[in-house]
Amino acid sequence: MDKLIEILRSVCPDVDFETETDLVGSGILTSLDIVMIVSELMAEYDVKLDVDDLVPENFMNAGTIHALIERAGSK
């Protein structure tokens, strides 16, 4: 999870990803941020994320993003 937080902070350095619970709904993450995060996640974790994975529910907080990575790794 530490690497994930590092990736998220590289995109949005002023956000407290450990406590934030609604990154998309609160407007913290934009669609461009999500594209940048997905690119970093695929490179770092060697997973493939599809367009179907790019839904707000998967990017609500660090926990939901981590779960997305785990699901993608088991495909």
C-alpha atoms as a PDB file:
ATOM      1  CA  MET A   1       0.000   0.000   0.000  1.00  0.00           C
ATOM      2  CA  ASP A   2       2.957   2.338   0.580  1.00  0.00           C
ATOM      3  CA  LYS A   3       3.911   2.217  -3.101  1.00  0.00           C
ATOM      4  CA  LEU A   4       0.314   2.978  -4.068  1.00  0.00           C
ATOM      5  CA  ILE A   5       0.250   6.024  -1.781  1.00  0.00           C
ATOM      6  CA  GLU A   6       3.549   7.157  -3.308  1.00  0.00           C
ATOM      7  CA  ILE A   7       2.067   6.887  -6.812  1.00  0.00           C
ATOM      8  CA  LEU A   8      -1.058   8.784  -5.778  1.00  0.00           C
ATOM      9  CA  ARG A   9       1.015  11.525  -4.170  1.00  0.00           C
ATOM     10  CA  SER A  10       3.108  11.878  -7.311  1.00  0.00           C
ATOM     11  CA  VAL A  11      -0.087  12.814  -9.160  1.00  0.00           C
ATOM     12  CA  CYS A  12      -1.769  14.859  -6.391  1.00  0.00           C
ATOM     13  CA  PRO A  13       0.870  15.812  -3.807  1.00  0.00           C
ATOM     14  CA  ASP A  14      -1.414  17.883  -1.568  1.00  0.00           C
ATOM     15  CA  VAL A  15      -3.964  15.142  -0.854  1.00  0.00           C
ATOM     16  CA  ASP A  16      -4.015  12.995   2.290  1.00  0.00           C
ATOM     17  CA  PHE A  17      -4.746   9.672   0.631  1.00  0.00           C
ATOM     18  CA  GLU A  18      -4.710   7.787   3.939  1.00  0.00           C
ATOM     19  CA  THR A  19      -7.827   9.590   5.194  1.00  0.00           C
ATOM     20  CA  GLU A  20      -9.672  10.853   2.120  1.00  0.00           C
ATOM     21  CA  THR A  21     -12.783   8.771   1.436  1.00  0.00           C
ATOM     22  CA  ASP A  22     -14.328  10.278  -1.716  1.00  0.00           C
ATOM     23  CA  LEU A  23     -11.609  11.292  -4.147  1.00  0.00           C
ATOM     24  CA  VAL A  24     -13.891  11.366  -7.174  1.00  0.00           C
ATOM     25  CA  GLY A  25     -17.096  12.740  -5.658  1.00  0.00           C
ATOM     26  CA  SER A  26     -15.280  15.551  -3.904  1.00  0.00           C
ATOM     27  CA  GLY A  27     -13.535  16.520  -7.138  1.00  0.00           C
ATOM     28  CA  ILE A  28     -10.034  15.794  -5.853  1.00  0.00           C
ATOM     29  CA  LEU A  29      -9.290  13.409  -8.720  1.00  0.00           C
ATOM     30  CA  THR A  30     -10.074  14.583 -12.223  1.00  0.00           C
ATOM     31  CA  SER A  31     -10.337  12.323 -15.233  1.00  0.00           C
ATOM     32  CA  LEU A  32      -6.829  13.365 -16.248  1.00  0.00           C
ATOM     33  CA  ASP A  33      -5.528  12.433 -12.780  1.00  0.00           C
ATOM     34  CA  ILE A  34      -7.161   9.013 -13.091  1.00  0.00           C
ATOM     35  CA  VAL A  35      -5.555   8.434 -16.494  1.00  0.00           C
ATOM     36  CA  MET A  36      -2.154   9.337 -15.039  1.00  0.00           C
ATOM     37  CA  ILE A  37      -2.722   7.088 -12.007  1.00  0.00           C
ATOM     38  CA  VAL A  38      -3.833   4.156 -14.179  1.00  0.00           C
ATOM     39  CA  SER A  39      -0.739   4.497 -16.328  1.00  0.00           C
ATOM     40  CA  GLU A  40       1.493   4.461 -13.238  1.00  0.00           C
ATOM     41  CA  LEU A  41      -0.385   1.517 -11.697  1.00  0.00           C
ATOM     42  CA  MET A  42      -0.096  -0.601 -14.829  1.00  0.00           C
ATOM     43  CA  ALA A  43       3.634   0.060 -15.040  1.00  0.00           C
ATOM     44  CA  GLU A  44       4.390  -0.400 -11.344  1.00  0.00           C
ATOM     45  CA  TYR A  45       2.191  -3.426 -10.642  1.00  0.00           C
ATOM     46  CA  ASP A  46       2.396  -5.019 -14.116  1.00  0.00           C
ATOM     47  CA  VAL A  47      -1.390  -5.245 -14.394  1.00  0.00           C
ATOM     48  CA  LYS A  48      -3.749  -4.496 -17.245  1.00  0.00           C
ATOM     49  CA  LEU A  49      -6.673  -2.206 -16.493  1.00  0.00           C
ATOM     50  CA  ASP A  50      -9.501  -2.071 -18.998  1.00  0.00           C
ATOM     51  CA  VAL A  51     -11.924   0.724 -19.798  1.00  0.00           C
ATOM     52  CA  ASP A  52     -14.484  -1.170 -17.716  1.00  0.00           C
ATOM     53  CA  ASP A  53     -12.219  -0.668 -14.684  1.00  0.00           C
ATOM     54  CA  LEU A  54     -12.282   3.119 -15.069  1.00  0.00           C
ATOM     55  CA  VAL A  55     -15.393   3.760 -13.013  1.00  0.00           C
ATOM     56  CA  PRO A  56     -15.623   6.183 -10.079  1.00  0.00           C
ATOM     57  CA  GLU A  57     -16.251   3.367  -7.600  1.00  0.00           C
ATOM     58  CA  ASN A  58     -12.735   2.023  -8.217  1.00  0.00           C
ATOM     59  CA  PHE A  59     -11.128   5.387  -7.433  1.00  0.00           C
ATOM     60  CA  MET A  60     -13.036   6.506  -4.331  1.00  0.00           C
ATOM     61  CA  ASN A  61     -10.056   6.136  -1.995  1.00  0.00           C
ATOM     62  CA  ALA A  62      -6.740   4.341  -1.625  1.00  0.00           C
ATOM     63  CA  GLY A  63      -8.518   1.191  -0.435  1.00  0.00           C
ATOM     64  CA  THR A  64     -10.719   0.902  -3.508  1.00  0.00           C
ATOM     65  CA  ILE A  65      -7.740   1.562  -5.782  1.00  0.00           C
ATOM     66  CA  HIS A  66      -5.755  -1.116  -3.947  1.00  0.00           C
ATOM     67  CA  ALA A  67      -8.639  -3.569  -4.384  1.00  0.00           C
ATOM     68  CA  LEU A  68      -8.697  -2.750  -8.110  1.00  0.00           C
ATOM     69  CA  ILE A  69      -4.999  -3.588  -8.372  1.00  0.00           C
ATOM     70  CA  GLU A  70      -5.523  -6.872  -6.557  1.00  0.00           C
ATOM     71  CA  ARG A  71      -8.432  -7.837  -8.837  1.00  0.00           C
ATOM     72  CA  ALA A  72      -6.445  -6.901 -11.935  1.00  0.00           C
ATOM     73  CA  GLY A  73      -3.516  -8.999 -10.735  1.00  0.00           C
ATOM     74  CA  SER A  74      -5.702 -12.079 -10.444  1.00  0.00           C
ATOM     75  CA  LYS A  75      -7.156 -11.832 -13.985  1.00  0.00           C
END
